[in-house]
Structures are given as C-alpha cells and as structure tokens.
Amino acid sequence: MTSELIINYRPYETRVAFLENGTLVEFQVERGAQGAGLLGNIYRGRVIRVLPGMQAAFVDIGLEKAAFLYVDDLSEQPEDFEKRLGSTPGRHEADFAPHPAEPHDDEGEAHRRESAAPSPPIETLLSEGQEILVQISKEPIGQKGARVTTHISLPSRRLVLMPTMTHLGVSRRIEDEDERRRLKEVLENLGHQHGFIARTASEGATAFELQAEAKFLVQLWQRIMDDSRRQSAPSRIHQELDATLKAVRDNFTENIDRLVIDHQGQFEAVQKFLETFSPNLAGGLELYTGSEPIFHAWGVETELARALSKKVWLKSGGYVVIESTEALTVVDVNTGRYVGRHNLEETILKTNMEAVKEIAYQLRLRNIGGLIVIDFIDMEKETNRERVFTALKDSLRRDKGRTKVLPMSELGLIEMTRKRTKENIDRFLREPCFYCQGQGFLLSRTSVCHESFLDLELQASENPHGRLKLTVHPQIRDLILDEGRAGLEDLERRLGRTIIIKADETLHLEAHVVEILPSAG
C-alpha cells in the first residue's frame, strides 16, 4: 500500500491531504495567518465565571468566545506548575495509545491514570479574576467556545512532554516488546522530572536523538513559563506549529512513501525541519512544480466534493445519507437501486456490509465527532447483525480518532462516539443557507404560488381600490399561468379586480411582491 501526504499551501489557507493507494482518507484545512489553528496553543487566561453547578469555569483567553474549563482538567493551582520544575515526585510507567495528531489524548489519559481520586470542587480551586495558564484541547465548534486544560502537553517529533505530570509511557502502536522496553529505559534515564510519552515515531530512534528532543521540550517549557510570568491575561503565550509543519511532525513517518508540497518557501521550511529532527525522511520530500493545481493533479478535489455531499452512493447502487446537528450525526443506509440476485436478506446484508466500509471512511475523512447513530437496514438474522457490527469495528481500526461502538439494537441501530477536537470539514467549508435559514429545504413551487394568492387577498382587503400586481420568480410565474391559472381566475372573480403577473429572476424562489396600482383610466 502506498501512502502520500499532499500539501497545498497558500498564504490564506493550508490544505493537507493524506492518501492511501491514491484515495483520500484524511483531510485538514487551516485558515488565517500562516494557516495557524488554535489546537495546542497556550494562553494566560483570566477566570471570568465559576460554575459550581457544572463544576466548570469560563476563562477569557482573548478569543471571541470564552473558553470552557472542566474541573477534571484542573487539579492544581497554576503556581504549582513552577514548583513542579524543581520537585522530584515518584515516577511510574504507563502504556498509552497516543493519537499522532492529537497529543492531548495521551495527556488526558495520563492525567486520569495519575489522578485516580476525584477532583476537589472547582470553587475551591478557582476564583473569578484569577489568572491561569491553559492550553486549548478542543477548538471552538459551532456555537461553543474552545475547551481548555491546565495539563499542558508539548509534542515534538518523537516525544510528548507533560510538564504537570510524572508519567512515562510508550505508544501502544509500538508492538515490539524489546523496543518498548528499550524506549522505557531511555525515558527513565532522561534525567528530567516531567512526564514523557514516546510517540509512534520514536520507534528505532537512538537514545541521543530522544535526549536531544527531551532537552528541547524542557527548554521550551521553561521559556513558556518565563513568558507567562512577564505577560498579563488574556494573552497567547505559545503558538503551535503552522499547519504544514504540524502535518509533517505528526504524520510524516517511515510508513509514508512521499510528502509533496507545492510552495517553495514551505518546501524549504520542511526541509530544514526534517534535517533537524528526521534526516532519514528527507529523501521522501518533493516540491511540486506542475502547472495544474496540486489537488487536481492528485484527484483530491473530486473526493472533497463527494465528502460534502449529503448522499453518498455505494458501488452496488445503494447509498448512505449523512445528516449532522450540533452534537449528533445520523447515518441512514438505503438499498437504493440495488435489488440483489437471490433473496431480500442477502440483498440487505450486502448493502449493509458495503455501507460499513463507506461509513468508516466518511467519518474519518469528514472528521465527524461526537455521538453518531447509524441506521442500518433491518436484518432478521442475529448472525448477520453481528457480522455488520464486527465489520464496523474492524473498519474503524485505521481511524486515529478514538471511537467507542455499541452493539446493534434490534431496530438495526448502532450507537457510537468518535472523539473530535476540530470542526468537521462540512461545517468548516460551508455555512448555513441564507435562503432556507439552514433548514435544507425550500417551499415547493405550488406552496409559494398558494402563499402569493393568500397575500393578494390580504392586500386587497386592506386596499379596496386599484389593480393588483404580483411579482414572482419566473418559475412561479410559469406555474401560476399554467397549473395555477384556474386559481388565478377564481381569485380575480372573487375580488372583482385585475391581477397583473410579472416575473423577476433576481427574486428568491420563495419570495413575492404585491403592489397596488391605480385603476386603469
């Protein structure tokens, strides 16, 4: 299997595509200055409200909306961070399953393991006006502000530093036991009194390389602490890498055959980054100089258009429909044009099994998170339900997003969750339709026609003299003069007045304008 990272850079936007065998499986986009996102940024914030009933607090970090801090993400006073720099607490090992692009998953799990006791009430830990150091663990999604944590994590190429903890861990994605033991020994001998996680990319790294990265991360943490002391809230203390370097750091490993970038400056920046952290990977870096846009050359634009479609067709002729709300995504499976060859149960099973692979692919590609309900086509046999459930779990194994899947119910429903830290690409790339106010539907032309007739009656009752003029969209005008002509003639007869119908193609399909004109003569 060939794997490629394709990066399309522009000053206003950075797009990153991860392809497997030429098929787009992951997509990231960041907009703004140098394509910078918010995830991983560190801020000195000010507590503006403590909510004992929710065991949470709102923190002003200088963004448009206040950030949200749960008590589970706060177990120490910020000044305790400085004490950590000189303390020597006991250390113990733990295994983690890190997400290469989201080190906060590791850090959060480490915190839960290290702090088994329930957190004290948040009102005993925070007070309004207090300044604290926080890191964004979830970007703003929809109408929600960012979620933050005081448990800072600083990722590098091979390691994640967790300065507020003491755990040492190795990614579960590293399966070789000898290598796991070696990495644990290296972490134990680092000589730093902080928590560290050896990421998947640390496999095969020398002790010298890991020690150099650990030293770099500790120095970075010390600089963050120094900057935090000098600045007042709200202020940004640390900016994560831009989208290009972050994609390289988190995804460009020995398992990726090549990394292609279409911008000379970004190419040179990545080249320097690899020379510093992974010189063995530099040979897989390419600069794209073709005249055709890079995403068109690799067929990415076509796949993106498919990812924005509500209905996704399956090869058999069936299809799935994906609908998302603020916190819930519903996936509906249908047989569509597929009629099968033998019996109904076999047809349904084949459609559901084909849908499983497509659903797992779409969840990963669209970065859909939160609660997900999948409505498979009803199957009579329990064994077939189990086959679909098992196939879904197997298909999700390649997904870096943490998922939890419940068995299929008797109604053919599967409930699952998928961790998200960013908006899904549908919400990021699109906005609610200002025509239909985000409903996704327009009034039927017949309904618009009937509404305009009702408005004519209302205006006629308020203005007893003069001719009536109705201006509508051309499609509505055609409908009124064709199928609606009998209704128009009945209205004119009842009102005893002439109604003039005009078309205006600039009008919205649902809009109409009623005017009162002077009587003829």
Protein backbone atom coordinates (compact mmCIF):
# COMPACT_ATOMS: atom_id res chain seq x y z
CA MET A 1 0.00 0.00 0.00
CA THR A 2 1.35 3.42 -0.96
CA SER A 3 0.80 6.40 1.34
CA GLU A 4 1.27 10.04 0.43
CA LEU A 5 0.95 13.41 2.17
CA ILE A 6 -0.04 16.18 -0.25
CA ILE A 7 0.17 19.79 1.00
CA ASN A 8 -1.45 22.67 -0.86
CA TYR A 9 -0.18 25.93 0.64
CA ARG A 10 -1.45 29.45 0.05
CA PRO A 11 -0.91 32.49 2.32
CA TYR A 12 -4.59 32.45 3.27
CA GLU A 13 -5.09 28.70 3.58
CA THR A 14 -3.18 25.46 4.07
CA ARG A 15 -4.76 22.18 3.00
CA VAL A 16 -3.30 18.79 3.85
CA ALA A 17 -4.44 15.54 2.21
CA PHE A 18 -3.44 12.04 3.33
CA LEU A 19 -3.81 9.46 0.55
CA GLU A 20 -3.70 5.67 0.73
CA ASN A 21 -3.38 3.90 -2.63
CA GLY A 22 -4.40 7.14 -4.30
CA THR A 23 -7.60 7.50 -2.23
CA LEU A 24 -8.12 10.49 0.05
CA VAL A 25 -8.60 9.20 3.63
CA GLU A 26 -7.86 12.29 5.76
CA PHE A 27 -8.13 15.99 5.09
CA GLN A 28 -7.13 19.00 7.16
CA VAL A 29 -7.52 22.68 6.42
CA GLU A 30 -6.41 25.72 8.40
CA ARG A 31 -7.06 29.33 7.54
CA GLY A 32 -5.74 32.65 8.75
CA ALA A 33 -2.25 33.95 9.33
CA GLN A 34 0.18 31.34 8.01
CA GLY A 35 -2.58 28.74 8.25
CA ALA A 36 -2.38 28.73 12.03
CA GLY A 37 -5.01 26.84 14.02
CA LEU A 38 -5.80 27.07 17.72
CA LEU A 39 -5.41 23.48 18.91
CA GLY A 40 -2.36 23.21 21.18
CA ASN A 41 -1.94 26.96 21.70
CA ILE A 42 -1.13 28.01 25.28
CA TYR A 43 -2.66 31.13 26.86
CA ARG A 44 -2.50 33.06 30.07
CA GLY A 45 -6.21 33.42 30.77
CA ARG A 46 -8.43 35.07 33.34
CA VAL A 47 -11.28 33.25 35.05
CA ILE A 48 -14.44 35.27 34.39
CA ARG A 49 -17.01 32.92 35.88
CA VAL A 50 -17.00 29.82 38.08
CA LEU A 51 -19.99 27.45 37.75
CA PRO A 52 -20.21 25.18 40.82
CA GLY A 53 -23.35 23.51 39.46
CA MET A 54 -21.48 22.36 36.35
CA GLN A 55 -18.07 22.01 38.03
CA ALA A 56 -16.61 24.15 35.29
CA ALA A 57 -15.43 27.68 34.61
CA PHE A 58 -15.33 30.19 31.77
CA VAL A 59 -11.88 31.57 31.01
CA ASP A 60 -11.11 34.65 28.92
CA ILE A 61 -8.12 33.81 26.72
CA GLY A 62 -8.55 36.67 24.27
CA LEU A 63 -10.72 34.87 21.70
CA GLU A 64 -14.19 35.91 20.56
CA LYS A 65 -15.84 33.40 22.92
CA ALA A 66 -14.73 32.47 26.42
CA ALA A 67 -13.04 29.09 26.80
CA PHE A 68 -14.57 26.31 28.88
CA LEU A 69 -12.57 24.57 31.63
CA TYR A 70 -13.87 21.41 33.36
CA VAL A 71 -12.77 20.57 36.87
CA ASP A 72 -11.27 17.29 35.61
CA ASP A 73 -8.89 19.39 33.52
CA LEU A 74 -7.82 21.36 36.60
CA SER A 75 -6.36 19.68 39.64
CA GLU A 76 -3.65 22.13 40.65
CA GLN A 77 -3.26 25.85 41.12
CA PRO A 78 -1.24 27.46 38.32
CA GLU A 79 1.55 28.48 40.67
CA ASP A 80 2.11 24.80 41.40
CA PHE A 81 3.48 24.45 37.87
CA GLU A 82 6.55 26.39 38.94
CA LYS A 83 7.04 24.10 41.92
CA ARG A 84 6.91 21.17 39.53
CA LEU A 85 10.04 22.43 37.80
CA GLY A 86 12.08 21.79 40.93
CA SER A 87 10.21 18.88 42.51
CA THR A 88 11.16 15.21 42.46
CA PRO A 89 7.92 13.24 42.80
CA GLY A 90 7.75 9.49 42.43
CA ARG A 91 7.59 8.13 38.91
CA HIS A 92 5.89 5.12 37.42
CA GLU A 93 5.21 3.70 33.99
CA ALA A 94 2.01 3.53 32.00
CA ASP A 95 1.08 2.48 28.48
CA PHE A 96 -0.77 4.88 26.27
CA ALA A 97 -2.46 4.84 22.89
CA PRO A 98 -1.45 8.24 21.54
CA HIS A 99 -3.11 9.94 18.62
CA PRO A 100 -0.22 11.22 16.48
CA ALA A 101 -2.06 14.41 15.59
CA GLU A 102 -3.63 14.97 18.98
CA PRO A 103 -1.19 14.53 21.85
CA HIS A 104 -3.85 15.84 24.22
CA ASP A 105 -5.47 12.41 24.09
CA ASP A 106 -2.36 10.93 25.66
CA GLU A 107 -2.05 13.71 28.17
CA GLY A 108 -5.69 13.44 29.23
CA GLU A 109 -5.46 9.68 29.68
CA ALA A 110 -2.23 10.06 31.62
CA HIS A 111 -3.90 12.54 33.95
CA ARG A 112 -6.79 10.19 34.59
CA ARG A 113 -4.40 7.37 35.46
CA GLU A 114 -2.20 9.52 37.66
CA SER A 115 -5.09 11.19 39.47
CA ALA A 116 -7.49 8.41 40.43
CA ALA A 117 -9.03 10.40 43.29
CA PRO A 118 -11.96 12.67 42.37
CA SER A 119 -11.11 16.32 41.82
CA PRO A 120 -11.91 18.82 44.60
CA PRO A 121 -14.86 21.17 43.94
CA ILE A 122 -13.90 23.71 41.31
CA GLU A 123 -14.96 26.61 43.56
CA THR A 124 -12.14 25.62 45.94
CA LEU A 125 -9.59 25.69 43.11
CA LEU A 126 -10.57 28.79 41.15
CA SER A 127 -11.99 32.22 41.80
CA GLU A 128 -13.18 34.94 39.43
CA GLY A 129 -10.41 37.23 38.28
CA GLN A 130 -7.70 34.60 38.83
CA GLU A 131 -5.10 34.23 36.09
CA ILE A 132 -4.18 30.71 34.95
CA LEU A 133 -2.11 29.04 32.25
CA VAL A 134 -4.22 26.91 29.92
CA GLN A 135 -3.90 25.03 26.64
CA ILE A 136 -6.59 24.54 24.00
CA SER A 137 -7.56 20.87 23.86
CA LYS A 138 -10.61 21.36 21.61
CA GLU A 139 -11.05 24.16 19.13
CA PRO A 140 -14.29 26.18 19.08
CA ILE A 141 -17.01 24.07 17.46
CA GLY A 142 -20.28 25.57 16.28
CA GLN A 143 -21.55 27.94 18.95
CA LYS A 144 -19.23 26.53 21.62
CA GLY A 145 -16.04 28.19 22.72
CA ALA A 146 -12.73 26.36 22.95
CA ARG A 147 -12.20 23.74 25.63
CA VAL A 148 -9.02 24.22 27.63
CA THR A 149 -6.95 22.32 30.15
CA THR A 150 -4.25 23.26 32.66
CA HIS A 151 -2.48 19.96 31.95
CA ILE A 152 -0.08 21.23 29.32
CA SER A 153 1.38 18.90 26.69
CA LEU A 154 4.17 19.86 24.28
CA PRO A 155 4.69 17.47 21.36
CA SER A 156 7.82 17.11 19.28
CA ARG A 157 8.63 14.65 16.53
CA ARG A 158 9.12 11.62 18.77
CA LEU A 159 8.10 12.72 22.26
CA VAL A 160 5.33 14.49 24.14
CA LEU A 161 6.33 16.43 27.24
CA MET A 162 3.74 16.67 30.02
CA PRO A 163 5.33 19.12 32.47
CA THR A 164 2.48 18.99 35.01
CA MET A 165 2.63 15.19 35.35
CA THR A 166 5.18 12.49 36.09
CA HIS A 167 4.10 9.58 33.90
CA LEU A 168 6.40 7.85 31.45
CA GLY A 169 4.67 5.97 28.66
CA VAL A 170 5.16 4.33 25.28
CA SER A 171 2.67 4.31 22.43
CA ARG A 172 0.71 1.09 22.14
CA ARG A 173 1.17 1.37 18.39
CA ILE A 174 4.73 0.23 19.01
CA GLU A 175 4.15 -3.51 19.32
CA ASP A 176 7.66 -4.92 19.55
CA GLU A 177 8.22 -5.71 23.25
CA ASP A 178 12.01 -5.35 23.08
CA GLU A 179 11.64 -1.91 21.53
CA ARG A 180 9.08 -0.93 24.15
CA ARG A 181 11.43 -1.92 26.96
CA ARG A 182 14.31 -0.03 25.33
CA LEU A 183 12.25 3.14 24.99
CA LYS A 184 11.07 2.91 28.60
CA GLU A 185 14.68 2.67 29.75
CA VAL A 186 15.61 5.71 27.66
CA LEU A 187 12.75 7.70 29.19
CA GLU A 188 13.76 6.64 32.70
CA ASN A 189 17.30 7.87 32.07
CA LEU A 190 16.37 11.27 30.64
CA GLY A 191 17.03 12.95 33.96
CA HIS A 192 14.05 15.32 33.71
CA GLN A 193 11.35 15.34 36.37
CA HIS A 194 8.46 15.57 33.98
CA GLY A 195 6.11 13.19 32.23
CA PHE A 196 7.04 11.97 28.76
CA ILE A 197 5.33 9.84 26.13
CA ALA A 198 7.34 8.11 23.43
CA ARG A 199 5.27 8.60 20.28
CA THR A 200 4.99 6.11 17.45
CA ALA A 201 7.70 7.97 15.53
CA SER A 202 10.17 7.23 18.37
CA GLU A 203 10.45 3.59 17.29
CA GLY A 204 14.05 2.99 16.26
CA ALA A 205 15.26 6.41 17.44
CA THR A 206 18.59 6.47 19.26
CA ALA A 207 18.92 7.46 22.90
CA PHE A 208 20.85 10.56 21.79
CA GLU A 209 18.01 11.69 19.49
CA LEU A 210 15.41 11.23 22.22
CA GLN A 211 17.58 13.01 24.80
CA ALA A 212 18.06 15.94 22.41
CA GLU A 213 14.30 16.25 21.85
CA ALA A 214 13.57 15.98 25.57
CA LYS A 215 16.08 18.76 26.28
CA PHE A 216 14.49 20.92 23.58
CA LEU A 217 10.99 20.39 25.04
CA VAL A 218 12.07 21.15 28.60
CA GLN A 219 13.75 24.36 27.45
CA LEU A 220 10.61 25.25 25.52
CA TRP A 221 8.52 24.72 28.66
CA GLN A 222 10.87 26.91 30.70
CA ARG A 223 10.57 29.66 28.07
CA ILE A 224 6.77 29.38 28.19
CA MET A 225 6.85 29.75 31.97
CA ASP A 226 9.14 32.79 31.73
CA ASP A 227 6.86 34.41 29.14
CA SER A 228 3.82 33.65 31.27
CA ARG A 229 5.33 35.49 34.25
CA ARG A 230 6.00 38.57 32.13
CA GLN A 231 2.59 38.84 30.46
CA SER A 232 -0.86 39.52 31.85
CA ALA A 233 -4.12 37.86 30.89
CA PRO A 234 -5.55 37.45 28.38
CA SER A 235 -2.56 36.77 26.14
CA ARG A 236 -1.22 33.99 23.96
CA ILE A 237 1.98 32.55 25.37
CA HIS A 238 2.78 29.79 22.87
CA GLN A 239 1.71 29.28 19.25
CA GLU A 240 1.58 25.74 17.86
CA LEU A 241 3.37 24.96 14.61
CA ASP A 242 1.68 26.07 11.41
CA ALA A 243 -0.42 23.54 9.51
CA THR A 244 2.40 22.44 7.22
CA LEU A 245 4.99 21.70 9.89
CA LYS A 246 2.39 20.19 12.20
CA ALA A 247 1.33 17.77 9.46
CA VAL A 248 4.96 16.84 8.87
CA ARG A 249 5.68 16.41 12.58
CA ASP A 250 2.59 14.32 13.28
CA ASN A 251 2.13 12.29 10.10
CA PHE A 252 5.31 12.04 8.03
CA THR A 253 6.87 8.78 9.19
CA GLU A 254 8.67 5.83 7.63
CA ASN A 255 5.24 4.49 6.66
CA ILE A 256 4.64 7.45 4.31
CA ASP A 257 6.19 6.96 0.88
CA ARG A 258 6.43 10.63 -0.02
CA LEU A 259 5.50 14.15 1.01
CA VAL A 260 4.67 16.57 -1.80
CA ILE A 261 4.42 20.36 -1.31
CA ASP A 262 3.50 22.96 -3.92
CA HIS A 263 5.19 26.01 -2.36
CA GLN A 264 8.92 26.75 -2.47
CA GLY A 265 9.09 28.55 0.89
CA GLN A 266 7.16 25.83 2.73
CA PHE A 267 9.26 23.18 1.00
CA GLU A 268 12.43 24.79 2.35
CA ALA A 269 10.93 25.12 5.85
CA VAL A 270 10.02 21.42 5.88
CA GLN A 271 13.45 20.54 4.55
CA LYS A 272 15.11 22.32 7.50
CA PHE A 273 12.67 20.70 9.93
CA LEU A 274 13.48 17.22 8.63
CA GLU A 275 17.22 17.88 8.66
CA THR A 276 16.89 18.74 12.35
CA PHE A 277 14.52 16.02 13.54
CA SER A 278 14.34 13.24 10.91
CA PRO A 279 17.13 13.44 8.31
CA ASN A 280 16.35 9.86 7.22
CA LEU A 281 12.99 11.04 5.86
CA ALA A 282 14.32 13.95 3.80
CA GLY A 283 14.58 11.76 0.68
CA GLY A 284 10.78 11.40 0.59
CA LEU A 285 10.19 15.17 0.31
CA GLU A 286 9.24 16.56 -3.12
CA LEU A 287 8.48 20.02 -4.47
CA TYR A 288 5.55 20.05 -6.90
CA THR A 289 6.12 22.40 -9.84
CA GLY A 290 3.35 21.33 -12.22
CA SER A 291 1.04 23.89 -13.82
CA GLU A 292 -2.12 22.05 -12.77
CA PRO A 293 -3.19 22.74 -9.15
CA ILE A 294 -1.76 20.00 -6.95
CA PHE A 295 -5.10 18.81 -5.52
CA HIS A 296 -6.50 18.47 -9.05
CA ALA A 297 -3.42 16.56 -10.17
CA TRP A 298 -3.94 14.01 -7.37
CA GLY A 299 -7.74 13.88 -7.69
CA VAL A 300 -8.27 15.31 -4.22
CA GLU A 301 -10.80 17.97 -5.28
CA THR A 302 -13.15 15.29 -6.62
CA GLU A 303 -13.04 13.37 -3.33
CA LEU A 304 -13.63 16.57 -1.35
CA ALA A 305 -16.74 17.35 -3.38
CA ARG A 306 -18.01 13.86 -2.55
CA ALA A 307 -17.26 14.41 1.13
CA LEU A 308 -19.52 17.47 1.16
CA SER A 309 -22.46 15.61 -0.31
CA LYS A 310 -25.30 14.58 1.99
CA LYS A 311 -25.96 11.45 -0.08
CA VAL A 312 -23.06 9.09 -0.81
CA TRP A 313 -23.65 6.36 -3.38
CA LEU A 314 -22.30 2.84 -2.93
CA LYS A 315 -20.91 0.78 -5.80
CA SER A 316 -23.80 -1.68 -5.62
CA GLY A 317 -26.39 1.07 -6.16
CA GLY A 318 -27.27 1.55 -2.50
CA TYR A 319 -26.47 4.78 -0.67
CA VAL A 320 -25.96 6.35 2.74
CA VAL A 321 -27.30 9.70 3.90
CA ILE A 322 -25.28 11.70 6.44
CA GLU A 323 -27.01 14.42 8.47
CA SER A 324 -25.30 16.35 11.29
CA THR A 325 -26.62 18.55 14.08
CA GLU A 326 -24.65 20.38 16.79
CA ALA A 327 -23.93 17.25 18.84
CA LEU A 328 -25.38 14.34 16.84
CA THR A 329 -24.75 12.81 13.44
CA VAL A 330 -27.25 10.39 11.87
CA VAL A 331 -26.23 8.00 9.11
CA ASP A 332 -29.03 6.26 7.20
CA VAL A 333 -28.35 3.23 4.98
CA ASN A 334 -30.62 2.51 1.99
CA THR A 335 -30.67 -0.17 -0.75
CA GLY A 336 -31.38 2.47 -3.40
CA ARG A 337 -31.09 0.97 -6.91
CA TYR A 338 -29.66 -2.32 -5.65
CA VAL A 339 -32.22 -5.16 -5.90
CA GLY A 340 -29.98 -8.18 -5.31
CA ARG A 341 -29.93 -11.55 -7.05
CA HIS A 342 -31.29 -14.13 -4.61
CA ASN A 343 -33.29 -13.08 -1.54
CA LEU A 344 -34.11 -9.98 0.45
CA GLU A 345 -31.95 -10.82 3.50
CA GLU A 346 -28.89 -11.34 1.30
CA THR A 347 -29.52 -8.05 -0.50
CA ILE A 348 -29.82 -6.18 2.79
CA LEU A 349 -26.71 -7.82 4.26
CA LYS A 350 -24.61 -6.97 1.21
CA THR A 351 -25.77 -3.35 1.26
CA ASN A 352 -25.06 -3.02 4.99
CA MET A 353 -21.60 -4.59 4.67
CA GLU A 354 -20.72 -2.27 1.80
CA ALA A 355 -22.05 0.69 3.77
CA VAL A 356 -19.85 -0.20 6.78
CA LYS A 357 -16.63 0.50 4.86
CA GLU A 358 -18.01 3.71 3.36
CA ILE A 359 -19.26 4.97 6.74
CA ALA A 360 -15.90 4.34 8.44
CA TYR A 361 -14.20 6.12 5.55
CA GLN A 362 -16.56 9.12 5.64
CA LEU A 363 -16.28 9.55 9.43
CA ARG A 364 -12.51 9.73 9.12
CA LEU A 365 -12.48 11.92 6.01
CA ARG A 366 -15.11 14.39 7.25
CA ASN A 367 -13.70 14.34 10.80
CA ILE A 368 -17.17 13.72 12.23
CA GLY A 369 -17.16 13.52 16.01
CA GLY A 370 -19.50 13.36 18.97
CA LEU A 371 -22.47 11.00 19.13
CA ILE A 372 -23.17 9.08 15.92
CA VAL A 373 -26.24 6.91 15.25
CA ILE A 374 -26.16 4.58 12.25
CA ASP A 375 -29.49 3.27 10.96
CA PHE A 376 -28.66 0.09 9.06
CA ILE A 377 -31.33 -1.67 7.03
CA ASP A 378 -33.21 -4.11 9.29
CA MET A 379 -31.91 -7.70 9.22
CA GLU A 380 -33.83 -10.66 10.55
CA LYS A 381 -30.87 -12.90 11.42
CA GLU A 382 -28.90 -12.18 14.58
CA THR A 383 -25.75 -13.60 12.95
CA ASN A 384 -25.99 -11.01 10.18
CA ARG A 385 -26.35 -8.20 12.71
CA GLU A 386 -23.23 -9.45 14.48
CA ARG A 387 -21.34 -9.59 11.17
CA VAL A 388 -22.16 -5.94 10.43
CA PHE A 389 -21.22 -4.86 13.96
CA THR A 390 -17.88 -6.71 13.81
CA ALA A 391 -17.15 -5.35 10.34
CA LEU A 392 -17.74 -1.78 11.54
CA LYS A 393 -15.35 -2.19 14.47
CA ASP A 394 -12.72 -3.66 12.14
CA SER A 395 -13.15 -0.82 9.63
CA LEU A 396 -12.63 1.77 12.37
CA ARG A 397 -9.27 0.34 13.46
CA ARG A 398 -7.37 2.53 11.00
CA ASP A 399 -9.08 5.65 12.32
CA LYS A 400 -6.80 7.72 14.54
CA GLY A 401 -9.85 9.24 16.23
CA ARG A 402 -10.78 7.42 19.41
CA THR A 403 -14.07 5.56 18.90
CA LYS A 404 -16.48 3.54 21.04
CA VAL A 405 -19.08 1.36 19.34
CA LEU A 406 -22.12 -0.27 20.98
CA PRO A 407 -23.70 -3.49 19.61
CA MET A 408 -26.53 -3.22 17.11
CA SER A 409 -30.00 -2.95 18.59
CA GLU A 410 -32.99 -4.98 17.46
CA LEU A 411 -34.08 -1.96 15.41
CA GLY A 412 -30.88 -2.09 13.39
CA LEU A 413 -29.32 0.95 15.09
CA ILE A 414 -25.68 1.24 16.13
CA GLU A 415 -24.70 3.99 18.53
CA MET A 416 -21.08 5.10 18.64
CA THR A 417 -18.91 8.02 19.65
CA ARG A 418 -15.84 9.47 17.98
CA LYS A 419 -13.52 11.94 19.65
CA ARG A 420 -13.26 15.29 17.94
CA THR A 421 -11.05 18.28 18.57
CA LYS A 422 -11.94 20.29 15.46
CA GLU A 423 -14.96 21.14 13.34
CA ASN A 424 -15.80 18.52 10.75
CA ILE A 425 -14.90 19.67 7.26
CA ASP A 426 -18.53 20.06 6.21
CA ARG A 427 -19.12 22.73 8.86
CA PHE A 428 -15.70 24.29 8.25
CA LEU A 429 -16.02 24.62 4.48
CA ARG A 430 -19.72 25.51 4.32
CA GLU A 431 -22.19 27.77 6.11
CA PRO A 432 -25.97 27.58 6.60
CA CYS A 433 -28.01 28.51 3.54
CA PHE A 434 -29.29 32.07 3.94
CA TYR A 435 -32.15 31.20 1.58
CA CYS A 436 -33.64 28.42 3.71
CA GLN A 437 -32.09 29.51 7.07
CA GLY A 438 -30.19 26.24 7.32
CA GLN A 439 -33.28 24.03 7.04
CA GLY A 440 -32.02 22.36 3.88
CA PHE A 441 -35.38 22.68 2.12
CA LEU A 442 -37.30 25.26 0.10
CA LEU A 443 -41.05 25.68 -0.10
CA SER A 444 -42.47 23.81 -3.08
CA ARG A 445 -43.38 25.98 -6.06
CA THR A 446 -47.05 25.11 -5.54
CA SER A 447 -46.82 26.27 -1.90
CA VAL A 448 -45.20 29.54 -2.98
CA CYS A 449 -47.96 30.03 -5.55
CA HIS A 450 -50.68 29.50 -2.93
CA GLU A 451 -48.94 31.80 -0.43
CA SER A 452 -48.83 34.58 -3.03
CA PHE A 453 -52.59 34.14 -3.65
CA LEU A 454 -53.26 34.49 0.08
CA ASP A 455 -51.14 37.64 0.23
CA LEU A 456 -53.07 39.07 -2.72
CA GLU A 457 -56.32 38.53 -0.81
CA LEU A 458 -54.89 40.20 2.28
CA GLN A 459 -53.59 43.23 0.37
CA ALA A 460 -56.92 43.55 -1.49
CA SER A 461 -58.85 43.59 1.80
CA GLU A 462 -56.65 46.40 3.11
CA ASN A 463 -56.67 48.35 -0.18
CA PRO A 464 -60.18 48.13 -1.74
CA HIS A 465 -59.32 50.11 -4.89
CA GLY A 466 -56.79 49.71 -7.66
CA ARG A 467 -55.32 46.90 -9.69
CA LEU A 468 -53.16 44.21 -8.10
CA LYS A 469 -49.64 43.48 -9.34
CA LEU A 470 -47.83 40.28 -8.28
CA THR A 471 -44.09 39.95 -8.98
CA VAL A 472 -42.58 36.49 -8.56
CA HIS A 473 -39.67 34.32 -9.68
CA PRO A 474 -40.02 33.21 -13.35
CA GLN A 475 -40.63 29.60 -12.31
CA ILE A 476 -43.53 30.69 -10.09
CA ARG A 477 -44.95 32.93 -12.85
CA ASP A 478 -44.93 29.95 -15.25
CA LEU A 479 -46.67 27.77 -12.68
CA ILE A 480 -49.38 30.37 -11.99
CA LEU A 481 -50.13 30.84 -15.69
CA ASP A 482 -50.21 27.10 -16.27
CA GLU A 483 -51.36 24.81 -13.47
CA GLY A 484 -52.46 27.75 -11.30
CA ARG A 485 -54.49 29.59 -13.93
CA ALA A 486 -57.83 28.31 -12.61
CA GLY A 487 -56.95 29.55 -9.13
CA LEU A 488 -55.86 32.94 -10.50
CA GLU A 489 -59.13 33.37 -12.45
CA ASP A 490 -61.14 32.37 -9.37
CA LEU A 491 -59.24 34.95 -7.29
CA GLU A 492 -59.86 37.72 -9.83
CA ARG A 493 -63.57 36.84 -9.95
CA ARG A 494 -63.94 36.88 -6.15
CA LEU A 495 -62.00 40.13 -5.73
CA GLY A 496 -63.55 41.76 -8.78
CA ARG A 497 -60.16 43.11 -9.76
CA THR A 498 -57.46 42.51 -12.37
CA ILE A 499 -54.26 40.85 -11.24
CA ILE A 500 -51.09 41.51 -13.25
CA ILE A 501 -48.39 38.80 -13.04
CA LYS A 502 -44.76 39.82 -13.62
CA ALA A 503 -41.53 37.82 -13.36
CA ASP A 504 -38.24 38.94 -11.81
CA GLU A 505 -35.37 36.47 -11.99
CA THR A 506 -33.50 38.33 -9.22
CA LEU A 507 -36.17 37.31 -6.70
CA HIS A 508 -35.64 34.29 -4.47
CA LEU A 509 -37.82 31.36 -5.50
CA GLU A 510 -39.87 31.71 -2.29
CA ALA A 511 -40.26 35.50 -2.50
CA HIS A 512 -43.08 37.53 -4.00
CA VAL A 513 -44.05 41.21 -4.07
CA VAL A 514 -47.64 42.53 -4.10
CA GLU A 515 -48.26 46.12 -5.30
CA ILE A 516 -51.44 48.22 -5.61
CA LEU A 517 -51.62 50.10 -8.93
CA PRO A 518 -54.03 52.90 -9.88
CA SER A 519 -57.17 51.76 -11.66
CA ALA A 520 -57.00 51.92 -15.44
CA GLY A 521 -58.36 55.23 -16.75
